[in-house]
Amino acid sequence: MAALIAASKYATQAYAYDIAARSTHFAEFARLLNGLANVTTGTGDLYEPAAGATFDRIVAHPPYVPVLQSKWIFFDGGEDGERVTRRIIEHAPHYLRPGGALYCLAMASDRADRPLEVRIREWLEPKQREFDVAVVVRRMIEPQEFAFNSLARGEAGAAPARRWKELFEARRITSLP
């Protein structure tokens, strides 16, 4: 969606990549429906379809919901929700042009020993000094709230809430911004 908006408003060329072929087909359908010749779609894991290309701007909205058991590729962010987000950030330096920007809408975690901004900088190693990092928090979720709401996500019973509590304590997660 971001690629289609960019292509229709200001971008000379935009790219829409997704690991799910279904999503790529919908993006291609929308591109054709809107007569956008300046959008390229591709299916693959993260930057794989880019084949070494570089970009002025990367926009990502990865699956970021922490899950105890992986079910849906479009939803699951791994046990701490950061599985895909971390990879996007780690590899961004290889795909951003000088002065480029990465915008990533996700949920991640602050940890007792390292807040999110510090961890993002670690993910950017060895090029962390080349990047400004801004974390904008739209909502802060406490680990207890997330564990309690596991019932709303279809995780029945007390066992999932207990597993969440143990997982968050083991990783020293203090909040989910």
Foldseek 3Di string as FASTA:
>chain_A
DVQVVCQVPPDQAGEAEEQDVVVQVVVVVVCVVVVRPRYHYDHDQACVVVVQEADQEAEEEAQQDADPDDDDRRHHCYNQSCNNVLVNLLCNVSHYDQNHYYHYDYKGFQAPVGGPVRVSLVSPPPCSVSDDDDDDDPDKAALLNSLVCVVVVVPDDDVSSVVSVVVCVVRRTGIID
